[in-house]
Amino acid sequence: MQISFCCKDANAGIWLQELQAALPQATVTPWQPGARPADYAVVWAPPQQFFDEQPQLRAIFNVGAGVDALMKLRLPAQALVVRLDDAGMAVQMAEYVCHAVIRHVRELDAYESDAAQGRWQHRTRRDRSAYPVGVMGLGVLGERVARALQLFEFPVLGWSRTAKSIPGVEGYAGLAALPDFLARCRVLVCLLPLTPDTQGILNRDTLGQLLPGAYLINVARGAHLVENDLLALLASGHLAGATLDVFRTEPLPGEHPFWRHPQIRVTPHISAGTLPGKSIAQIVAKIGALTRGEPINGMVDLNRGY
């Protein structure tokens, strides 16, 4: 069995070493132009040349939750595209989102500013029931985030392309239900896959339907957000602020207005990272299942893009 590894990752050496150790019967090699044909590929942001030279691949394992970068490429027609189901990312995402929600609702930014000025000042305690949190996208990560928010007793709503049932989460499904969902939210969390249908979905129209003083958290993809629309809604006062972990251009350019905007918190795409150990264990198990002709989770529907 030949496995080709093509991944732009600072931990590439660790991935290669642990993949080979977990699959001693296979040959795991980093891809270079002209490399020998492989049976399976483990990739993140590979170039088109990789697939042009590997038309015989049986399956492509994407070492992240989002597969939008792969959807832009010409892939071998017979190859299965497989995403990671979780591999430690869901709990990280839940941590990040809960932190951002609580920081906003408890006004911790304002208290931090007061402390920097030596000012001891109390604010009126906000009722969390007045801050319904809407989660857009209820896949593995979105469901974990929704469940975590319930532990802090926030009202939680969820919106997805198709109906999902999560105990305690008020569910909405399909484009027809999107306005009703947005009109109920004072905090909006985007965890949608990036597809042609969701590109620019966070815009003046949709964000304008949120409750007054709403707060945006985008941890999905930068292309979901129309940046100038966010700035306009912040200036108008309709939105109170935003926490953004993903951007249309990454790294975020130094001159970008998001860096210096007093109502925007920026982090460098760190909300949830792929953990090599858990990811490799999942990939190994799925290769084993495919070899035995068994079904696996995480298969990507190329027509839907996720």
C-alpha atoms as a PDB file:
ATOM      1  CA  MET A   1       0.000   0.000   0.000  1.00  0.00           C
ATOM      2  CA  GLN A   2       1.350   3.408  -1.010  1.00  0.00           C
ATOM      3  CA  ILE A   3       0.236   6.588   0.775  1.00  0.00           C
ATOM      4  CA  SER A   4       1.178  10.023  -0.494  1.00  0.00           C
ATOM      5  CA  PHE A   5       1.274  12.923   1.981  1.00  0.00           C
ATOM      6  CA  CYS A   6       0.807  16.430   0.598  1.00  0.00           C
ATOM      7  CA  CYS A   7       0.154  18.899   3.356  1.00  0.00           C
ATOM      8  CA  LYS A   8       1.192  22.470   4.100  1.00  0.00           C
ATOM      9  CA  ASP A   9       1.647  22.079   7.832  1.00  0.00           C
ATOM     10  CA  ALA A  10       4.365  23.071  10.259  1.00  0.00           C
ATOM     11  CA  ASN A  11       4.054  19.594  11.788  1.00  0.00           C
ATOM     12  CA  ALA A  12       4.483  17.728   8.485  1.00  0.00           C
ATOM     13  CA  GLY A  13       7.397  15.724   9.860  1.00  0.00           C
ATOM     14  CA  ILE A  14       5.321  14.546  12.809  1.00  0.00           C
ATOM     15  CA  TRP A  15       2.465  13.564  10.494  1.00  0.00           C
ATOM     16  CA  LEU A  16       4.768  11.503   8.290  1.00  0.00           C
ATOM     17  CA  GLN A  17       6.449   9.772  11.203  1.00  0.00           C
ATOM     18  CA  GLU A  18       3.191   8.921  12.980  1.00  0.00           C
ATOM     19  CA  LEU A  19       1.404   7.842   9.802  1.00  0.00           C
ATOM     20  CA  GLN A  20       4.210   5.434   8.986  1.00  0.00           C
ATOM     21  CA  ALA A  21       4.265   4.079  12.542  1.00  0.00           C
ATOM     22  CA  ALA A  22       0.499   3.543  12.478  1.00  0.00           C
ATOM     23  CA  LEU A  23       0.627   1.853   9.058  1.00  0.00           C
ATOM     24  CA  PRO A  24       3.777  -0.302   9.131  1.00  0.00           C
ATOM     25  CA  GLN A  25       2.510  -2.363   6.203  1.00  0.00           C
ATOM     26  CA  ALA A  26       2.330   0.761   4.009  1.00  0.00           C
ATOM     27  CA  THR A  27       4.889   3.075   2.462  1.00  0.00           C
ATOM     28  CA  VAL A  28       4.184   6.682   3.443  1.00  0.00           C
ATOM     29  CA  THR A  29       6.079   9.321   1.499  1.00  0.00           C
ATOM     30  CA  PRO A  30       5.898  13.114   1.150  1.00  0.00           C
ATOM     31  CA  TRP A  31       4.708  14.056  -2.296  1.00  0.00           C
ATOM     32  CA  GLN A  32       7.075  15.591  -4.801  1.00  0.00           C
ATOM     33  CA  PRO A  33       6.430  16.178  -8.515  1.00  0.00           C
ATOM     34  CA  GLY A  34       6.922  12.929 -10.380  1.00  0.00           C
ATOM     35  CA  ALA A  35       6.355  10.731  -7.319  1.00  0.00           C
ATOM     36  CA  ARG A  36       5.247   7.131  -7.775  1.00  0.00           C
ATOM     37  CA  PRO A  37       1.487   6.405  -7.908  1.00  0.00           C
ATOM     38  CA  ALA A  38      -0.236   6.074  -4.549  1.00  0.00           C
ATOM     39  CA  ASP A  39      -3.335   4.248  -3.347  1.00  0.00           C
ATOM     40  CA  TYR A  40      -4.370   6.854  -0.801  1.00  0.00           C
ATOM     41  CA  ALA A  41      -3.614  10.535  -0.266  1.00  0.00           C
ATOM     42  CA  VAL A  42      -3.521  12.555   2.946  1.00  0.00           C
ATOM     43  CA  VAL A  43      -3.730  16.220   2.010  1.00  0.00           C
ATOM     44  CA  TRP A  44      -4.276  19.795   3.045  1.00  0.00           C
ATOM     45  CA  ALA A  45      -4.330  22.525   0.376  1.00  0.00           C
ATOM     46  CA  PRO A  46      -2.555  20.431  -2.299  1.00  0.00           C
ATOM     47  CA  PRO A  47      -1.779  21.870  -5.757  1.00  0.00           C
ATOM     48  CA  GLN A  48      -3.651  20.753  -8.866  1.00  0.00           C
ATOM     49  CA  GLN A  49      -0.449  19.077 -10.073  1.00  0.00           C
ATOM     50  CA  PHE A  50      -0.734  16.568  -7.252  1.00  0.00           C
ATOM     51  CA  PHE A  51      -4.039  15.202  -8.574  1.00  0.00           C
ATOM     52  CA  ASP A  52      -2.985  15.487 -12.208  1.00  0.00           C
ATOM     53  CA  GLU A  53      -0.121  13.090 -11.398  1.00  0.00           C
ATOM     54  CA  GLN A  54      -2.218  10.801  -9.173  1.00  0.00           C
ATOM     55  CA  PRO A  55      -5.296   9.849 -11.237  1.00  0.00           C
ATOM     56  CA  GLN A  56      -5.415   6.326  -9.740  1.00  0.00           C
ATOM     57  CA  LEU A  57      -6.107   7.366  -6.118  1.00  0.00           C
ATOM     58  CA  ARG A  58      -8.735   5.328  -4.287  1.00  0.00           C
ATOM     59  CA  ALA A  59      -9.415   7.897  -1.560  1.00  0.00           C
ATOM     60  CA  ILE A  60      -8.330  11.392  -0.547  1.00  0.00           C
ATOM     61  CA  PHE A  61      -8.229  12.174   3.182  1.00  0.00           C
ATOM     62  CA  ASN A  62      -8.542  15.882   3.959  1.00  0.00           C
ATOM     63  CA  VAL A  63      -6.867  16.720   7.281  1.00  0.00           C
ATOM     64  CA  GLY A  64      -9.430  19.321   8.312  1.00  0.00           C
ATOM     65  CA  ALA A  65     -13.160  19.794   8.608  1.00  0.00           C
ATOM     66  CA  GLY A  66     -13.559  22.064   5.564  1.00  0.00           C
ATOM     67  CA  VAL A  67     -13.069  20.725   2.051  1.00  0.00           C
ATOM     68  CA  ASP A  68     -13.745  23.943   0.114  1.00  0.00           C
ATOM     69  CA  ALA A  69     -10.130  24.154  -1.096  1.00  0.00           C
ATOM     70  CA  LEU A  70     -10.425  20.684  -2.661  1.00  0.00           C
ATOM     71  CA  MET A  71     -13.695  21.576  -4.358  1.00  0.00           C
ATOM     72  CA  LYS A  72     -11.830  24.136  -6.495  1.00  0.00           C
ATOM     73  CA  LEU A  73      -9.608  21.434  -8.014  1.00  0.00           C
ATOM     74  CA  ARG A  74     -10.094  18.690 -10.623  1.00  0.00           C
ATOM     75  CA  LEU A  75     -10.109  15.483  -8.627  1.00  0.00           C
ATOM     76  CA  PRO A  76      -9.731  11.886  -9.865  1.00  0.00           C
ATOM     77  CA  ALA A  77     -13.222  10.778 -10.842  1.00  0.00           C
ATOM     78  CA  GLN A  78     -13.156   7.494  -8.917  1.00  0.00           C
ATOM     79  CA  ALA A  79     -11.495   8.790  -5.737  1.00  0.00           C
ATOM     80  CA  LEU A  80     -13.524   9.101  -2.567  1.00  0.00           C
ATOM     81  CA  VAL A  81     -13.073  12.385  -0.704  1.00  0.00           C
ATOM     82  CA  VAL A  82     -13.112  11.917   3.059  1.00  0.00           C
ATOM     83  CA  ARG A  83     -13.094  14.602   5.736  1.00  0.00           C
ATOM     84  CA  LEU A  84     -12.235  14.191   9.394  1.00  0.00           C
ATOM     85  CA  ASP A  85     -15.296  13.698  11.582  1.00  0.00           C
ATOM     86  CA  ASP A  86     -13.835  15.495  14.585  1.00  0.00           C
ATOM     87  CA  ALA A  87     -10.276  14.463  15.561  1.00  0.00           C
ATOM     88  CA  GLY A  88     -10.266  16.791  18.563  1.00  0.00           C
ATOM     89  CA  MET A  89     -11.494  19.875  16.712  1.00  0.00           C
ATOM     90  CA  ALA A  90     -15.038  19.953  18.121  1.00  0.00           C
ATOM     91  CA  VAL A  91     -14.066  20.532  21.737  1.00  0.00           C
ATOM     92  CA  GLN A  92     -11.618  23.254  20.702  1.00  0.00           C
ATOM     93  CA  MET A  93     -14.341  24.972  18.688  1.00  0.00           C
ATOM     94  CA  ALA A  94     -16.749  24.763  21.614  1.00  0.00           C
ATOM     95  CA  GLU A  95     -14.121  26.339  23.900  1.00  0.00           C
ATOM     96  CA  TYR A  96     -13.484  29.178  21.473  1.00  0.00           C
ATOM     97  CA  VAL A  97     -17.130  30.005  20.781  1.00  0.00           C
ATOM     98  CA  CYS A  98     -18.235  29.803  24.414  1.00  0.00           C
ATOM     99  CA  HIS A  99     -15.344  32.073  25.378  1.00  0.00           C
ATOM    100  CA  ALA A 100     -16.335  34.622  22.714  1.00  0.00           C
ATOM    101  CA  VAL A 101     -20.023  34.545  23.684  1.00  0.00           C
ATOM    102  CA  ILE A 102     -19.342  34.857  27.402  1.00  0.00           C
ATOM    103  CA  ARG A 103     -16.749  37.590  26.883  1.00  0.00           C
ATOM    104  CA  HIS A 104     -19.326  39.641  24.991  1.00  0.00           C
ATOM    105  CA  VAL A 105     -22.343  39.015  27.216  1.00  0.00           C
ATOM    106  CA  ARG A 106     -20.399  39.572  30.446  1.00  0.00           C
ATOM    107  CA  GLU A 107     -18.775  42.735  28.964  1.00  0.00           C
ATOM    108  CA  LEU A 108     -15.304  41.488  29.840  1.00  0.00           C
ATOM    109  CA  ASP A 109     -13.724  43.719  27.176  1.00  0.00           C
ATOM    110  CA  ALA A 110     -15.132  46.753  28.968  1.00  0.00           C
ATOM    111  CA  TYR A 111     -13.908  45.521  32.355  1.00  0.00           C
ATOM    112  CA  GLU A 112     -10.461  44.936  30.867  1.00  0.00           C
ATOM    113  CA  SER A 113     -10.447  48.503  29.570  1.00  0.00           C
ATOM    114  CA  ASP A 114     -11.508  49.787  32.988  1.00  0.00           C
ATOM    115  CA  ALA A 115      -8.730  47.824  34.684  1.00  0.00           C
ATOM    116  CA  ALA A 116      -6.137  49.279  32.317  1.00  0.00           C
ATOM    117  CA  GLN A 117      -7.248  52.743  33.468  1.00  0.00           C
ATOM    118  CA  GLY A 118      -7.392  51.830  37.170  1.00  0.00           C
ATOM    119  CA  ARG A 119     -11.178  52.281  37.215  1.00  0.00           C
ATOM    120  CA  TRP A 120     -13.353  50.162  39.554  1.00  0.00           C
ATOM    121  CA  GLN A 121     -16.820  50.160  38.004  1.00  0.00           C
ATOM    122  CA  HIS A 122     -19.728  47.722  38.003  1.00  0.00           C
ATOM    123  CA  ARG A 123     -22.127  47.281  35.092  1.00  0.00           C
ATOM    124  CA  THR A 124     -25.711  46.112  35.168  1.00  0.00           C
ATOM    125  CA  ARG A 125     -25.704  42.322  34.948  1.00  0.00           C
ATOM    126  CA  ARG A 126     -27.137  41.140  31.631  1.00  0.00           C
ATOM    127  CA  ASP A 127     -29.787  38.424  31.555  1.00  0.00           C
ATOM    128  CA  ARG A 128     -28.533  35.598  29.338  1.00  0.00           C
ATOM    129  CA  SER A 129     -32.114  34.848  28.308  1.00  0.00           C
ATOM    130  CA  ALA A 130     -31.953  38.107  26.332  1.00  0.00           C
ATOM    131  CA  TYR A 131     -28.999  36.730  24.326  1.00  0.00           C
ATOM    132  CA  PRO A 132     -30.284  33.835  22.214  1.00  0.00           C
ATOM    133  CA  VAL A 133     -27.357  32.285  20.338  1.00  0.00           C
ATOM    134  CA  GLY A 134     -27.934  31.051  16.807  1.00  0.00           C
ATOM    135  CA  VAL A 135     -25.560  28.452  15.366  1.00  0.00           C
ATOM    136  CA  MET A 136     -25.446  28.320  11.578  1.00  0.00           C
ATOM    137  CA  GLY A 137     -24.302  24.854  10.531  1.00  0.00           C
ATOM    138  CA  LEU A 138     -25.075  21.808  12.675  1.00  0.00           C
ATOM    139  CA  GLY A 139     -22.449  19.315  11.580  1.00  0.00           C
ATOM    140  CA  VAL A 140     -20.083  17.668  14.058  1.00  0.00           C
ATOM    141  CA  LEU A 141     -18.547  20.994  15.113  1.00  0.00           C
ATOM    142  CA  GLY A 142     -21.796  22.947  15.131  1.00  0.00           C
ATOM    143  CA  GLU A 143     -23.613  20.365  17.220  1.00  0.00           C
ATOM    144  CA  ARG A 144     -20.802  20.293  19.794  1.00  0.00           C
ATOM    145  CA  VAL A 145     -20.877  24.109  20.011  1.00  0.00           C
ATOM    146  CA  ALA A 146     -24.662  24.146  20.440  1.00  0.00           C
ATOM    147  CA  ARG A 147     -24.502  21.571  23.224  1.00  0.00           C
ATOM    148  CA  ALA A 148     -21.717  23.457  25.008  1.00  0.00           C
ATOM    149  CA  LEU A 149     -23.644  26.730  24.937  1.00  0.00           C
ATOM    150  CA  GLN A 150     -26.606  25.010  26.595  1.00  0.00           C
ATOM    151  CA  LEU A 151     -24.417  24.237  29.614  1.00  0.00           C
ATOM    152  CA  PHE A 152     -24.220  27.983  30.255  1.00  0.00           C
ATOM    153  CA  GLU A 153     -28.015  28.238  29.943  1.00  0.00           C
ATOM    154  CA  PHE A 154     -28.100  30.416  26.855  1.00  0.00           C
ATOM    155  CA  PRO A 155     -31.140  29.945  24.628  1.00  0.00           C
ATOM    156  CA  VAL A 156     -29.704  28.096  21.607  1.00  0.00           C
ATOM    157  CA  LEU A 157     -31.093  27.979  18.086  1.00  0.00           C
ATOM    158  CA  GLY A 158     -29.695  26.112  15.113  1.00  0.00           C
ATOM    159  CA  TRP A 159     -30.007  26.527  11.360  1.00  0.00           C
ATOM    160  CA  SER A 160     -28.901  24.040   8.739  1.00  0.00           C
ATOM    161  CA  ARG A 161     -29.563  23.076   5.144  1.00  0.00           C
ATOM    162  CA  THR A 162     -31.559  20.023   6.193  1.00  0.00           C
ATOM    163  CA  ALA A 163     -33.460  19.449   9.427  1.00  0.00           C
ATOM    164  CA  LYS A 164     -31.401  18.389  12.471  1.00  0.00           C
ATOM    165  CA  SER A 165     -32.759  17.388  15.852  1.00  0.00           C
ATOM    166  CA  ILE A 166     -30.632  18.325  18.883  1.00  0.00           C
ATOM    167  CA  PRO A 167     -32.322  18.161  22.314  1.00  0.00           C
ATOM    168  CA  GLY A 168     -32.818  21.648  23.736  1.00  0.00           C
ATOM    169  CA  VAL A 169     -31.900  23.416  20.470  1.00  0.00           C
ATOM    170  CA  GLU A 170     -34.642  25.180  18.526  1.00  0.00           C
ATOM    171  CA  GLY A 171     -34.066  23.977  14.981  1.00  0.00           C
ATOM    172  CA  TYR A 172     -34.619  25.721  11.652  1.00  0.00           C
ATOM    173  CA  ALA A 173     -33.883  24.234   8.243  1.00  0.00           C
ATOM    174  CA  GLY A 174     -33.675  25.519   4.675  1.00  0.00           C
ATOM    175  CA  LEU A 175     -33.513  28.988   3.150  1.00  0.00           C
ATOM    176  CA  ALA A 176     -37.220  29.616   3.735  1.00  0.00           C
ATOM    177  CA  ALA A 177     -36.660  29.363   7.494  1.00  0.00           C
ATOM    178  CA  LEU A 178     -33.536  31.561   7.579  1.00  0.00           C
ATOM    179  CA  PRO A 179     -35.329  34.911   8.210  1.00  0.00           C
ATOM    180  CA  ASP A 180     -37.273  33.490  11.163  1.00  0.00           C
ATOM    181  CA  PHE A 181     -34.051  32.040  12.594  1.00  0.00           C
ATOM    182  CA  LEU A 182     -32.100  35.293  12.231  1.00  0.00           C
ATOM    183  CA  ALA A 183     -34.890  37.385  13.762  1.00  0.00           C
ATOM    184  CA  ARG A 184     -34.566  35.377  16.995  1.00  0.00           C
ATOM    185  CA  CYS A 185     -30.763  35.710  17.409  1.00  0.00           C
ATOM    186  CA  ARG A 186     -28.762  38.270  19.357  1.00  0.00           C
ATOM    187  CA  VAL A 187     -25.537  36.311  18.896  1.00  0.00           C
ATOM    188  CA  LEU A 188     -24.817  34.565  15.586  1.00  0.00           C
ATOM    189  CA  VAL A 189     -22.162  31.867  15.186  1.00  0.00           C
ATOM    190  CA  CYS A 190     -21.189  30.795  11.658  1.00  0.00           C
ATOM    191  CA  LEU A 191     -20.003  27.205  11.308  1.00  0.00           C
ATOM    192  CA  LEU A 192     -21.267  26.567   7.796  1.00  0.00           C
ATOM    193  CA  PRO A 193     -19.310  24.761   5.102  1.00  0.00           C
ATOM    194  CA  LEU A 194     -18.203  27.096   2.325  1.00  0.00           C
ATOM    195  CA  THR A 195     -20.123  26.342  -0.862  1.00  0.00           C
ATOM    196  CA  PRO A 196     -21.424  28.497  -3.730  1.00  0.00           C
ATOM    197  CA  ASP A 197     -24.703  28.766  -1.792  1.00  0.00           C
ATOM    198  CA  THR A 198     -23.081  30.014   1.429  1.00  0.00           C
ATOM    199  CA  GLN A 199     -20.490  32.366  -0.087  1.00  0.00           C
ATOM    200  CA  GLY A 200     -21.255  35.852   1.258  1.00  0.00           C
ATOM    201  CA  ILE A 201     -24.164  34.619   3.383  1.00  0.00           C
ATOM    202  CA  LEU A 202     -23.144  36.984   6.197  1.00  0.00           C
ATOM    203  CA  ASN A 203     -24.133  40.227   4.522  1.00  0.00           C
ATOM    204  CA  ARG A 204     -26.051  43.458   5.105  1.00  0.00           C
ATOM    205  CA  ASP A 205     -29.385  41.747   4.503  1.00  0.00           C
ATOM    206  CA  THR A 206     -28.912  38.670   6.700  1.00  0.00           C
ATOM    207  CA  LEU A 207     -27.002  40.380   9.502  1.00  0.00           C
ATOM    208  CA  GLY A 208     -29.521  43.218   9.401  1.00  0.00           C
ATOM    209  CA  GLN A 209     -32.256  40.751  10.350  1.00  0.00           C
ATOM    210  CA  LEU A 210     -30.609  39.937  13.688  1.00  0.00           C
ATOM    211  CA  LEU A 211     -31.916  41.459  16.913  1.00  0.00           C
ATOM    212  CA  PRO A 212     -30.631  45.002  17.601  1.00  0.00           C
ATOM    213  CA  GLY A 213     -27.213  45.039  19.234  1.00  0.00           C
ATOM    214  CA  ALA A 214     -26.373  41.599  17.866  1.00  0.00           C
ATOM    215  CA  TYR A 215     -22.915  40.067  17.951  1.00  0.00           C
ATOM    216  CA  LEU A 216     -21.250  38.006  15.187  1.00  0.00           C
ATOM    217  CA  ILE A 217     -18.783  35.137  15.636  1.00  0.00           C
ATOM    218  CA  ASN A 218     -17.317  33.719  12.419  1.00  0.00           C
ATOM    219  CA  VAL A 219     -15.217  30.571  12.820  1.00  0.00           C
ATOM    220  CA  ALA A 220     -16.048  28.943   9.460  1.00  0.00           C
ATOM    221  CA  ARG A 221     -14.503  30.643   6.412  1.00  0.00           C
ATOM    222  CA  GLY A 222     -13.698  34.265   5.643  1.00  0.00           C
ATOM    223  CA  ALA A 223     -15.610  34.140   2.359  1.00  0.00           C
ATOM    224  CA  HIS A 224     -18.876  33.721   4.270  1.00  0.00           C
ATOM    225  CA  LEU A 225     -18.634  37.366   5.335  1.00  0.00           C
ATOM    226  CA  VAL A 226     -19.094  40.497   3.236  1.00  0.00           C
ATOM    227  CA  GLU A 227     -16.575  42.601   5.121  1.00  0.00           C
ATOM    228  CA  ASN A 228     -17.800  46.073   4.169  1.00  0.00           C
ATOM    229  CA  ASP A 229     -21.341  45.122   5.184  1.00  0.00           C
ATOM    230  CA  LEU A 230     -20.112  44.190   8.658  1.00  0.00           C
ATOM    231  CA  LEU A 231     -18.300  47.513   9.003  1.00  0.00           C
ATOM    232  CA  ALA A 232     -21.418  49.408   7.916  1.00  0.00           C
ATOM    233  CA  LEU A 233     -23.650  47.576  10.405  1.00  0.00           C
ATOM    234  CA  LEU A 234     -21.190  48.240  13.225  1.00  0.00           C
ATOM    235  CA  ALA A 235     -21.101  51.925  12.311  1.00  0.00           C
ATOM    236  CA  SER A 236     -24.903  52.075  12.309  1.00  0.00           C
ATOM    237  CA  GLY A 237     -25.108  50.497  15.750  1.00  0.00           C
ATOM    238  CA  HIS A 238     -27.213  47.561  14.603  1.00  0.00           C
ATOM    239  CA  LEU A 239     -24.344  45.218  15.449  1.00  0.00           C
ATOM    240  CA  ALA A 240     -22.515  45.575  18.757  1.00  0.00           C
ATOM    241  CA  GLY A 241     -19.368  43.770  17.665  1.00  0.00           C
ATOM    242  CA  ALA A 242     -17.764  40.697  16.189  1.00  0.00           C
ATOM    243  CA  THR A 243     -15.184  38.023  16.919  1.00  0.00           C
ATOM    244  CA  LEU A 244     -13.524  36.859  13.700  1.00  0.00           C
ATOM    245  CA  ASP A 245     -11.129  33.938  13.377  1.00  0.00           C
ATOM    246  CA  VAL A 246     -11.253  33.534   9.577  1.00  0.00           C
ATOM    247  CA  PHE A 247     -10.748  36.018   6.752  1.00  0.00           C
ATOM    248  CA  ARG A 248     -10.941  36.320   2.987  1.00  0.00           C
ATOM    249  CA  THR A 249      -7.190  36.898   2.888  1.00  0.00           C
ATOM    250  CA  GLU A 250      -4.995  35.038   5.367  1.00  0.00           C
ATOM    251  CA  PRO A 251      -2.793  36.184   6.979  1.00  0.00           C
ATOM    252  CA  LEU A 252      -4.969  39.264   7.447  1.00  0.00           C
ATOM    253  CA  PRO A 253      -3.123  42.181   5.772  1.00  0.00           C
ATOM    254  CA  GLY A 254      -1.564  44.630   8.199  1.00  0.00           C
ATOM    255  CA  GLU A 255      -3.523  47.560   6.756  1.00  0.00           C
ATOM    256  CA  HIS A 256      -6.900  45.841   7.089  1.00  0.00           C
ATOM    257  CA  PRO A 257      -9.410  47.888   9.143  1.00  0.00           C
ATOM    258  CA  PHE A 258     -10.393  44.845  11.226  1.00  0.00           C
ATOM    259  CA  TRP A 259      -7.080  45.020  13.114  1.00  0.00           C
ATOM    260  CA  ARG A 260      -7.795  48.414  14.617  1.00  0.00           C
ATOM    261  CA  HIS A 261     -11.594  48.384  14.868  1.00  0.00           C
ATOM    262  CA  PRO A 262     -12.625  48.814  18.527  1.00  0.00           C
ATOM    263  CA  GLN A 263     -15.632  46.485  18.134  1.00  0.00           C
ATOM    264  CA  ILE A 264     -13.851  43.630  16.347  1.00  0.00           C
ATOM    265  CA  ARG A 265     -11.709  40.960  17.980  1.00  0.00           C
ATOM    266  CA  VAL A 266      -9.296  39.196  15.609  1.00  0.00           C
ATOM    267  CA  THR A 267      -7.595  35.828  16.051  1.00  0.00           C
ATOM    268  CA  PRO A 268      -5.356  34.163  13.422  1.00  0.00           C
ATOM    269  CA  HIS A 269      -7.490  31.140  12.409  1.00  0.00           C
ATOM    270  CA  ILE A 270      -6.829  29.226  15.641  1.00  0.00           C
ATOM    271  CA  SER A 271     -10.348  28.378  16.822  1.00  0.00           C
ATOM    272  CA  ALA A 272      -9.840  24.652  16.185  1.00  0.00           C
ATOM    273  CA  GLY A 273      -6.679  22.935  14.977  1.00  0.00           C
ATOM    274  CA  THR A 274      -6.204  19.427  13.631  1.00  0.00           C
ATOM    275  CA  LEU A 275      -4.534  17.139  16.183  1.00  0.00           C
ATOM    276  CA  PRO A 276      -2.152  14.723  14.383  1.00  0.00           C
ATOM    277  CA  GLY A 277      -2.549  11.777  16.775  1.00  0.00           C
ATOM    278  CA  LYS A 278      -6.345  11.663  16.756  1.00  0.00           C
ATOM    279  CA  SER A 279      -6.512  12.453  13.055  1.00  0.00           C
ATOM    280  CA  ILE A 280      -4.091   9.694  12.105  1.00  0.00           C
ATOM    281  CA  ALA A 281      -5.971   7.144  14.207  1.00  0.00           C
ATOM    282  CA  GLN A 282      -9.147   8.076  12.344  1.00  0.00           C
ATOM    283  CA  ILE A 283      -7.474   7.905   8.914  1.00  0.00           C
ATOM    284  CA  VAL A 284      -5.946   4.508   9.699  1.00  0.00           C
ATOM    285  CA  ALA A 285      -9.316   3.123  10.811  1.00  0.00           C
ATOM    286  CA  LYS A 286     -10.990   4.394   7.651  1.00  0.00           C
ATOM    287  CA  ILE A 287      -8.310   2.960   5.363  1.00  0.00           C
ATOM    288  CA  GLY A 288      -8.795  -0.364   7.110  1.00  0.00           C
ATOM    289  CA  ALA A 289     -12.557  -0.211   6.589  1.00  0.00           C
ATOM    290  CA  LEU A 290     -12.180   0.697   2.915  1.00  0.00           C
ATOM    291  CA  THR A 291      -9.732  -2.174   2.429  1.00  0.00           C
ATOM    292  CA  ARG A 292     -12.327  -4.555   3.896  1.00  0.00           C
ATOM    293  CA  GLY A 293     -15.091  -3.054   1.747  1.00  0.00           C
ATOM    294  CA  GLU A 294     -16.898  -1.541   4.728  1.00  0.00           C
ATOM    295  CA  PRO A 295     -18.694   1.848   4.793  1.00  0.00           C
ATOM    296  CA  ILE A 296     -17.065   4.837   6.505  1.00  0.00           C
ATOM    297  CA  ASN A 297     -18.190   8.153   7.957  1.00  0.00           C
ATOM    298  CA  GLY A 298     -17.068  11.511   6.605  1.00  0.00           C
ATOM    299  CA  MET A 299     -17.679  10.874   2.923  1.00  0.00           C
ATOM    300  CA  VAL A 300     -17.962  14.178   1.046  1.00  0.00           C
ATOM    301  CA  ASP A 301     -20.863  14.701  -1.342  1.00  0.00           C
ATOM    302  CA  LEU A 302     -19.075  16.444  -4.215  1.00  0.00           C
ATOM    303  CA  ASN A 303     -22.367  17.823  -5.540  1.00  0.00           C
ATOM    304  CA  ARG A 304     -23.092  19.603  -2.243  1.00  0.00           C
ATOM    305  CA  GLY A 305     -19.462  20.472  -1.540  1.00  0.00           C
ATOM    306  CA  TYR A 306     -19.329  19.035   1.994  1.00  0.00           C
END
